[in-house]
């Protein structure tokens, strides 16, 4: 889904795994009228998993856990940017 990775988007891809990324791609293919809907839907799911669906206040997270969650969210943001602002041949 992402054409050009940086360090954080590549890390996000590793943390998300093939299953989550293919799910975002399916969501994207269902809604062709709204580019970026796949990555945004995945971003919402990540936020639900780590904040909204948590029964109570989250405990202090170690830095590695914060990096993992933020890398996943960053991947979604980069994928959304690429979907909503595609590069033209003139941009290359």
Protein backbone atom coordinates (compact mmCIF):
# COMPACT_ATOMS: atom_id res chain seq x y z
CA UNK A 1 0.00 0.00 0.00
CA UNK A 2 2.89 2.38 0.75
CA UNK A 3 5.14 3.00 -2.24
CA UNK A 4 8.00 4.80 -0.49
CA UNK A 5 8.81 3.91 3.12
CA UNK A 6 10.77 5.80 5.69
CA UNK A 7 12.07 4.19 8.89
CA UNK A 8 8.83 4.65 10.87
CA UNK A 9 6.43 3.51 8.15
CA UNK A 10 8.56 0.40 7.57
CA UNK A 11 8.50 -0.31 11.31
CA UNK A 12 4.73 0.21 11.31
CA UNK A 13 4.39 -2.27 8.46
CA UNK A 14 6.34 -4.84 10.46
CA UNK A 15 4.21 -4.32 13.57
CA UNK A 16 0.93 -4.37 11.63
CA UNK A 17 1.72 -7.53 9.71
CA UNK A 18 0.31 -8.83 6.45
CA UNK A 19 -3.18 -9.56 7.81
CA UNK A 20 -3.90 -6.00 8.98
CA UNK A 21 -2.45 -4.42 5.85
CA UNK A 22 -4.46 -6.69 3.54
CA UNK A 23 -7.56 -5.79 5.59
CA UNK A 24 -6.86 -2.08 4.99
CA UNK A 25 -6.41 -2.80 1.28
CA UNK A 26 -9.80 -4.56 1.19
CA UNK A 27 -11.46 -1.62 2.94
CA UNK A 28 -9.84 0.68 0.37
CA UNK A 29 -11.10 -1.40 -2.55
CA UNK A 30 -14.70 -1.40 -1.24
CA UNK A 31 -14.94 2.40 -1.16
CA UNK A 32 -13.49 3.65 -4.44
CA UNK A 33 -15.27 7.01 -4.06
CA UNK A 34 -13.27 7.93 -0.98
CA UNK A 35 -9.50 7.42 -1.34
CA UNK A 36 -7.75 6.72 1.95
CA UNK A 37 -10.70 5.07 3.65
CA UNK A 38 -8.75 1.82 4.17
CA UNK A 39 -5.86 3.37 6.12
CA UNK A 40 -8.23 5.61 8.12
CA UNK A 41 -10.43 2.65 9.05
CA UNK A 42 -7.34 0.73 10.20
CA UNK A 43 -6.19 3.78 12.18
CA UNK A 44 -9.57 3.89 13.95
CA UNK A 45 -9.30 0.17 14.75
CA UNK A 46 -5.84 0.69 16.25
CA UNK A 47 -7.07 3.58 18.40
CA UNK A 48 -10.02 1.47 19.56
CA UNK A 49 -7.73 -1.46 20.43
CA UNK A 50 -5.34 0.60 22.52
CA UNK A 51 -7.55 3.35 24.01
CA UNK A 52 -11.31 3.36 23.41
CA UNK A 53 -11.95 -0.32 24.18
CA UNK A 54 -9.69 -0.44 27.24
CA UNK A 55 -11.74 -1.04 30.40
CA UNK A 56 -10.03 1.64 32.47
CA UNK A 57 -7.14 4.06 32.50
CA UNK A 58 -4.09 2.66 30.74
CA UNK A 59 -1.04 1.99 32.85
CA UNK A 60 2.25 3.63 32.03
CA UNK A 61 3.48 2.10 28.81
CA UNK A 62 7.14 1.27 28.26
CA UNK A 63 8.81 3.20 25.44
CA UNK A 64 8.83 0.11 23.20
CA UNK A 65 5.04 -0.19 23.46
CA UNK A 66 4.54 3.50 22.65
CA UNK A 67 6.87 3.14 19.64
CA UNK A 68 4.91 0.10 18.43
CA UNK A 69 1.52 1.84 18.62
CA UNK A 70 2.83 5.09 17.15
CA UNK A 71 4.55 3.25 14.27
CA UNK A 72 1.24 1.54 13.42
CA UNK A 73 -0.60 4.87 13.45
CA UNK A 74 2.18 6.50 11.41
CA UNK A 75 1.91 3.75 8.77
CA UNK A 76 -1.82 4.51 8.47
CA UNK A 77 -1.12 8.23 8.09
CA UNK A 78 1.49 7.69 5.36
CA UNK A 79 -0.81 5.25 3.51
CA UNK A 80 -3.65 7.79 3.76
CA UNK A 81 -1.41 10.57 2.43
CA UNK A 82 -0.33 8.46 -0.53
CA UNK A 83 -3.96 7.51 -1.27
CA UNK A 84 -5.28 11.07 -1.07
CA UNK A 85 -2.31 12.87 -2.65
CA UNK A 86 -0.98 10.55 -5.36
CA UNK A 87 2.22 11.58 -7.07
CA UNK A 88 1.93 12.34 -10.73
CA UNK A 89 4.62 11.48 -13.26
CA UNK A 90 5.57 15.19 -13.16
CA UNK A 91 6.41 14.90 -9.43
CA UNK A 92 9.12 12.32 -9.97
